[in-house]
Amino acid sequence: MNFEKSLLIVIALSFIGFIIGLIGKNLGNHKKKTLRSEDVYKYIISTSVIVLLLSAVLYSILYN
């Protein structure tokens, strides 16, 4: 597997993490008495957006 495919996989996984964070935050799971609090979803969303932006910029610089 070359670096381009690895970078595309990272972009896809971070996008999926962003979508999972939005869905989890909006479903109301953070109101339950479990480890899933609203802060966890905020961290998932923020880290996935940061990784998505950095990897997308790196991909556009290297392969376009």
PDB file of N, CA and C in Angstrom:
ATOM      1  N   MET A   1       0.854  -1.168   0.000  1.00  0.00           N
ATOM      2  CA  MET A   1       0.000   0.000   0.000  1.00  0.00           C
ATOM      3  C   MET A   1       0.904   1.236   0.000  1.00  0.00           C
ATOM      4  N   ASN A   2       0.655   2.106  -0.939  1.00  0.00           N
ATOM      5  CA  ASN A   2       1.490   3.296  -1.013  1.00  0.00           C
ATOM      6  C   ASN A   2       0.935   4.418  -0.135  1.00  0.00           C
ATOM      7  N   PHE A   3       1.669   5.502  -0.110  1.00  0.00           N
ATOM      8  CA  PHE A   3       1.315   6.606   0.793  1.00  0.00           C
ATOM      9  C   PHE A   3       0.024   7.290   0.372  1.00  0.00           C
ATOM     10  N   GLU A   4      -0.254   7.344  -0.923  1.00  0.00           N
ATOM     11  CA  GLU A   4      -1.475   7.997  -1.391  1.00  0.00           C
ATOM     12  C   GLU A   4      -2.715   7.254  -0.900  1.00  0.00           C
ATOM     13  N   LYS A   5      -2.715   5.942  -0.996  1.00  0.00           N
ATOM     14  CA  LYS A   5      -3.857   5.155  -0.533  1.00  0.00           C
ATOM     15  C   LYS A   5      -3.995   5.244   0.987  1.00  0.00           C
ATOM     16  N   SER A   6      -2.877   5.276   1.684  1.00  0.00           N
ATOM     17  CA  SER A   6      -2.926   5.415   3.144  1.00  0.00           C
ATOM     18  C   SER A   6      -3.521   6.756   3.543  1.00  0.00           C
ATOM     19  N   LEU A   7      -3.154   7.795   2.827  1.00  0.00           N
ATOM     20  CA  LEU A   7      -3.683   9.125   3.123  1.00  0.00           C
ATOM     21  C   LEU A   7      -5.174   9.206   2.817  1.00  0.00           C
ATOM     22  N   LEU A   8      -5.596   8.563   1.749  1.00  0.00           N
ATOM     23  CA  LEU A   8      -7.025   8.533   1.433  1.00  0.00           C
ATOM     24  C   LEU A   8      -7.817   7.743   2.470  1.00  0.00           C
ATOM     25  N   ILE A   9      -7.229   6.684   3.010  1.00  0.00           N
ATOM     26  CA  ILE A   9      -7.888   5.918   4.068  1.00  0.00           C
ATOM     27  C   ILE A   9      -8.013   6.761   5.341  1.00  0.00           C
ATOM     28  N   VAL A  10      -6.983   7.534   5.656  1.00  0.00           N
ATOM     29  CA  VAL A  10      -7.039   8.417   6.826  1.00  0.00           C
ATOM     30  C   VAL A  10      -8.124   9.470   6.644  1.00  0.00           C
ATOM     31  N   ILE A  11      -8.242  10.025   5.442  1.00  0.00           N
ATOM     32  CA  ILE A  11      -9.288  11.004   5.163  1.00  0.00           C
ATOM     33  C   ILE A  11     -10.670  10.376   5.333  1.00  0.00           C
ATOM     34  N   ALA A  12     -10.846   9.175   4.813  1.00  0.00           N
ATOM     35  CA  ALA A  12     -12.141   8.506   4.927  1.00  0.00           C
ATOM     36  C   ALA A  12     -12.484   8.163   6.376  1.00  0.00           C
ATOM     37  N   LEU A  13     -11.505   7.679   7.130  1.00  0.00           N
ATOM     38  CA  LEU A  13     -11.767   7.335   8.533  1.00  0.00           C
ATOM     39  C   LEU A  13     -12.067   8.571   9.381  1.00  0.00           C
ATOM     40  N   SER A  14     -11.403   9.668   9.105  1.00  0.00           N
ATOM     41  CA  SER A  14     -11.687  10.875   9.870  1.00  0.00           C
ATOM     42  C   SER A  14     -13.054  11.440   9.509  1.00  0.00           C
ATOM     43  N   PHE A  15     -13.464  11.293   8.251  1.00  0.00           N
ATOM     44  CA  PHE A  15     -14.819  11.719   7.880  1.00  0.00           C
ATOM     45  C   PHE A  15     -15.863  10.848   8.564  1.00  0.00           C
ATOM     46  N   ILE A  16     -15.613   9.550   8.615  1.00  0.00           N
ATOM     47  CA  ILE A  16     -16.534   8.646   9.312  1.00  0.00           C
ATOM     48  C   ILE A  16     -16.586   8.973  10.800  1.00  0.00           C
ATOM     49  N   GLY A  17     -15.451   9.317  11.394  1.00  0.00           N
ATOM     50  CA  GLY A  17     -15.435   9.729  12.798  1.00  0.00           C
ATOM     51  C   GLY A  17     -16.224  10.997  13.030  1.00  0.00           C
ATOM     52  N   PHE A  18     -16.143  11.935  12.094  1.00  0.00           N
ATOM     53  CA  PHE A  18     -16.921  13.165  12.197  1.00  0.00           C
ATOM     54  C   PHE A  18     -18.414  12.868  12.139  1.00  0.00           C
ATOM     55  N   ILE A  19     -18.823  12.011  11.227  1.00  0.00           N
ATOM     56  CA  ILE A  19     -20.235  11.659  11.107  1.00  0.00           C
ATOM     57  C   ILE A  19     -20.720  10.907  12.348  1.00  0.00           C
ATOM     58  N   ILE A  20     -19.914  10.002  12.866  1.00  0.00           N
ATOM     59  CA  ILE A  20     -20.284   9.270  14.082  1.00  0.00           C
ATOM     60  C   ILE A  20     -20.428  10.224  15.265  1.00  0.00           C
ATOM     61  N   GLY A  21     -19.531  11.192  15.355  1.00  0.00           N
ATOM     62  CA  GLY A  21     -19.632  12.177  16.426  1.00  0.00           C
ATOM     63  C   GLY A  21     -20.895  13.010  16.341  1.00  0.00           C
ATOM     64  N   LEU A  22     -21.254  13.424  15.124  1.00  0.00           N
ATOM     65  CA  LEU A  22     -22.485  14.201  14.958  1.00  0.00           C
ATOM     66  C   LEU A  22     -23.724  13.373  15.270  1.00  0.00           C
ATOM     67  N   ILE A  23     -23.738  12.147  14.804  1.00  0.00           N
ATOM     68  CA  ILE A  23     -24.901  11.285  15.056  1.00  0.00           C
ATOM     69  C   ILE A  23     -25.031  10.982  16.543  1.00  0.00           C
ATOM     70  N   GLY A  24     -23.924  10.663  17.184  1.00  0.00           N
ATOM     71  CA  GLY A  24     -23.968  10.356  18.616  1.00  0.00           C
ATOM     72  C   GLY A  24     -24.366  11.549  19.463  1.00  0.00           C
ATOM     73  N   LYS A  25     -23.929  12.719  19.051  1.00  0.00           N
ATOM     74  CA  LYS A  25     -24.273  13.920  19.803  1.00  0.00           C
ATOM     75  C   LYS A  25     -25.750  14.268  19.645  1.00  0.00           C
ATOM     76  N   ASN A  26     -26.306  14.031  18.471  1.00  0.00           N
ATOM     77  CA  ASN A  26     -27.684  14.423  18.205  1.00  0.00           C
ATOM     78  C   ASN A  26     -28.708  13.367  18.588  1.00  0.00           C
ATOM     79  N   LEU A  27     -28.283  12.141  18.861  1.00  0.00           N
ATOM     80  CA  LEU A  27     -29.240  11.104  19.243  1.00  0.00           C
ATOM     81  C   LEU A  27     -29.654  11.172  20.707  1.00  0.00           C
ATOM     82  N   GLY A  28     -28.910  11.888  21.509  1.00  0.00           N
ATOM     83  CA  GLY A  28     -29.256  11.988  22.912  1.00  0.00           C
ATOM     84  C   GLY A  28     -28.640  10.910  23.766  1.00  0.00           C
ATOM     85  N   ASN A  29     -27.629  10.202  23.251  1.00  0.00           N
ATOM     86  CA  ASN A  29     -26.980   9.163  24.048  1.00  0.00           C
ATOM     87  C   ASN A  29     -26.200   9.746  25.211  1.00  0.00           C
ATOM     88  N   HIS A  30     -25.844  11.014  25.122  1.00  0.00           N
ATOM     89  CA  HIS A  30     -25.069  11.624  26.190  1.00  0.00           C
ATOM     90  C   HIS A  30     -25.914  11.857  27.443  1.00  0.00           C
ATOM     91  N   LYS A  31     -27.221  11.714  27.352  1.00  0.00           N
ATOM     92  CA  LYS A  31     -28.080  11.908  28.511  1.00  0.00           C
ATOM     93  C   LYS A  31     -28.169  10.652  29.374  1.00  0.00           C
ATOM     94  N   LYS A  32     -27.709   9.519  28.842  1.00  0.00           N
ATOM     95  CA  LYS A  32     -27.730   8.276  29.601  1.00  0.00           C
ATOM     96  C   LYS A  32     -26.601   8.270  30.624  1.00  0.00           C
ATOM     97  N   LYS A  33     -26.716   7.409  31.603  1.00  0.00           N
ATOM     98  CA  LYS A  33     -25.719   7.312  32.670  1.00  0.00           C
ATOM     99  C   LYS A  33     -24.615   6.333  32.288  1.00  0.00           C
ATOM    100  N   THR A  34     -23.977   6.557  31.162  1.00  0.00           N
ATOM    101  CA  THR A  34     -22.883   5.697  30.720  1.00  0.00           C
ATOM    102  C   THR A  34     -21.639   6.550  30.524  1.00  0.00           C
ATOM    103  N   LEU A  35     -20.624   5.949  29.926  1.00  0.00           N
ATOM    104  CA  LEU A  35     -19.397   6.683  29.657  1.00  0.00           C
ATOM    105  C   LEU A  35     -19.549   7.657  28.495  1.00  0.00           C
ATOM    106  N   ARG A  36     -20.635   7.572  27.785  1.00  0.00           N
ATOM    107  CA  ARG A  36     -20.854   8.438  26.639  1.00  0.00           C
ATOM    108  C   ARG A  36     -21.406   9.780  27.100  1.00  0.00           C
ATOM    109  N   SER A  37     -20.556  10.730  27.261  1.00  0.00           N
ATOM    110  CA  SER A  37     -21.020  12.060  27.612  1.00  0.00           C
ATOM    111  C   SER A  37     -20.887  12.956  26.394  1.00  0.00           C
ATOM    112  N   GLU A  38     -21.427  14.137  26.499  1.00  0.00           N
ATOM    113  CA  GLU A  38     -21.374  15.071  25.368  1.00  0.00           C
ATOM    114  C   GLU A  38     -19.944  15.509  25.085  1.00  0.00           C
ATOM    115  N   ASP A  39     -19.100  15.516  26.102  1.00  0.00           N
ATOM    116  CA  ASP A  39     -17.705  15.900  25.893  1.00  0.00           C
ATOM    117  C   ASP A  39     -16.962  14.902  25.017  1.00  0.00           C
ATOM    118  N   VAL A  40     -17.286  13.636  25.130  1.00  0.00           N
ATOM    119  CA  VAL A  40     -16.641  12.618  24.306  1.00  0.00           C
ATOM    120  C   VAL A  40     -16.944  12.883  22.838  1.00  0.00           C
ATOM    121  N   TYR A  41     -18.185  13.209  22.531  1.00  0.00           N
ATOM    122  CA  TYR A  41     -18.557  13.481  21.149  1.00  0.00           C
ATOM    123  C   TYR A  41     -17.910  14.765  20.639  1.00  0.00           C
ATOM    124  N   LYS A  42     -17.741  15.748  21.514  1.00  0.00           N
ATOM    125  CA  LYS A  42     -17.039  16.972  21.108  1.00  0.00           C
ATOM    126  C   LYS A  42     -15.589  16.679  20.768  1.00  0.00           C
ATOM    127  N   TYR A  43     -14.932  15.823  21.557  1.00  0.00           N
ATOM    128  CA  TYR A  43     -13.549  15.451  21.278  1.00  0.00           C
ATOM    129  C   TYR A  43     -13.433  14.638  19.993  1.00  0.00           C
ATOM    130  N   ILE A  44     -14.377  13.738  19.766  1.00  0.00           N
ATOM    131  CA  ILE A  44     -14.361  12.946  18.535  1.00  0.00           C
ATOM    132  C   ILE A  44     -14.524  13.848  17.323  1.00  0.00           C
ATOM    133  N   ILE A  45     -15.473  14.766  17.397  1.00  0.00           N
ATOM    134  CA  ILE A  45     -15.720  15.675  16.277  1.00  0.00           C
ATOM    135  C   ILE A  45     -14.514  16.571  16.032  1.00  0.00           C
ATOM    136  N   SER A  46     -13.956  17.140  17.090  1.00  0.00           N
ATOM    137  CA  SER A  46     -12.855  18.088  16.897  1.00  0.00           C
ATOM    138  C   SER A  46     -11.589  17.404  16.383  1.00  0.00           C
ATOM    139  N   THR A  47     -11.259  16.239  16.927  1.00  0.00           N
ATOM    140  CA  THR A  47     -10.049  15.570  16.443  1.00  0.00           C
ATOM    141  C   THR A  47     -10.226  15.049  15.021  1.00  0.00           C
ATOM    142  N   SER A  48     -11.401  14.573  14.692  1.00  0.00           N
ATOM    143  CA  SER A  48     -11.598  14.078  13.330  1.00  0.00           C
ATOM    144  C   SER A  48     -11.590  15.218  12.315  1.00  0.00           C
ATOM    145  N   VAL A  49     -12.104  16.387  12.687  1.00  0.00           N
ATOM    146  CA  VAL A  49     -12.056  17.528  11.775  1.00  0.00           C
ATOM    147  C   VAL A  49     -10.619  18.005  11.581  1.00  0.00           C
ATOM    148  N   ILE A  50      -9.852  18.043  12.641  1.00  0.00           N
ATOM    149  CA  ILE A  50      -8.448  18.471  12.535  1.00  0.00           C
ATOM    150  C   ILE A  50      -7.658  17.501  11.663  1.00  0.00           C
ATOM    151  N   VAL A  51      -7.828  16.204  11.898  1.00  0.00           N
ATOM    152  CA  VAL A  51      -7.120  15.202  11.095  1.00  0.00           C
ATOM    153  C   VAL A  51      -7.582  15.258   9.645  1.00  0.00           C
ATOM    154  N   LEU A  52      -8.876  15.449   9.427  1.00  0.00           N
ATOM    155  CA  LEU A  52      -9.415  15.534   8.077  1.00  0.00           C
ATOM    156  C   LEU A  52      -8.830  16.720   7.327  1.00  0.00           C
ATOM    157  N   LEU A  53      -8.789  17.873   7.954  1.00  0.00           N
ATOM    158  CA  LEU A  53      -8.253  19.058   7.291  1.00  0.00           C
ATOM    159  C   LEU A  53      -6.764  18.938   7.005  1.00  0.00           C
ATOM    160  N   LEU A  54      -6.009  18.445   7.971  1.00  0.00           N
ATOM    161  CA  LEU A  54      -4.564  18.311   7.762  1.00  0.00           C
ATOM    162  C   LEU A  54      -4.243  17.300   6.667  1.00  0.00           C
ATOM    163  N   SER A  55      -4.923  16.178   6.685  1.00  0.00           N
ATOM    164  CA  SER A  55      -4.640  15.178   5.668  1.00  0.00           C
ATOM    165  C   SER A  55      -5.147  15.605   4.289  1.00  0.00           C
ATOM    166  N   ALA A  56      -6.247  16.340   4.227  1.00  0.00           N
ATOM    167  CA  ALA A  56      -6.736  16.826   2.935  1.00  0.00           C
ATOM    168  C   ALA A  56      -5.791  17.873   2.349  1.00  0.00           C
ATOM    169  N   VAL A  57      -5.257  18.750   3.193  1.00  0.00           N
ATOM    170  CA  VAL A  57      -4.289  19.743   2.712  1.00  0.00           C
ATOM    171  C   VAL A  57      -3.006  19.054   2.265  1.00  0.00           C
ATOM    172  N   LEU A  58      -2.556  18.084   3.020  1.00  0.00           N
ATOM    173  CA  LEU A  58      -1.352  17.348   2.642  1.00  0.00           C
ATOM    174  C   LEU A  58      -1.566  16.596   1.328  1.00  0.00           C
ATOM    175  N   TYR A  59      -2.739  15.986   1.161  1.00  0.00           N
ATOM    176  CA  TYR A  59      -3.030  15.288  -0.085  1.00  0.00           C
ATOM    177  C   TYR A  59      -3.064  16.246  -1.267  1.00  0.00           C
ATOM    178  N   SER A  60      -3.688  17.408  -1.086  1.00  0.00           N
ATOM    179  CA  SER A  60      -3.776  18.353  -2.192  1.00  0.00           C
ATOM    180  C   SER A  60      -2.406  18.930  -2.554  1.00  0.00           C
ATOM    181  N   ILE A  61      -1.529  19.087  -1.590  1.00  0.00           N
ATOM    182  CA  ILE A  61      -0.185  19.585  -1.877  1.00  0.00           C
ATOM    183  C   ILE A  61       0.634  18.518  -2.611  1.00  0.00           C
ATOM    184  N   LEU A  62       0.553  17.287  -2.169  1.00  0.00           N
ATOM    185  CA  LEU A  62       1.394  16.242  -2.732  1.00  0.00           C
ATOM    186  C   LEU A  62       0.895  15.699  -4.072  1.00  0.00           C
ATOM    187  N   TYR A  63      -0.420  15.605  -4.266  1.00  0.00           N
ATOM    188  CA  TYR A  63      -0.933  14.866  -5.413  1.00  0.00           C
ATOM    189  C   TYR A  63      -1.760  15.703  -6.370  1.00  0.00           C
ATOM    190  N   ASN A  64      -1.782  16.993  -6.228  1.00  0.00           N
ATOM    191  CA  ASN A  64      -2.487  17.852  -7.203  1.00  0.00           C
ATOM    192  C   ASN A  64      -1.583  18.911  -7.743  1.00  0.00           C
TER     193      ASN A  64
END
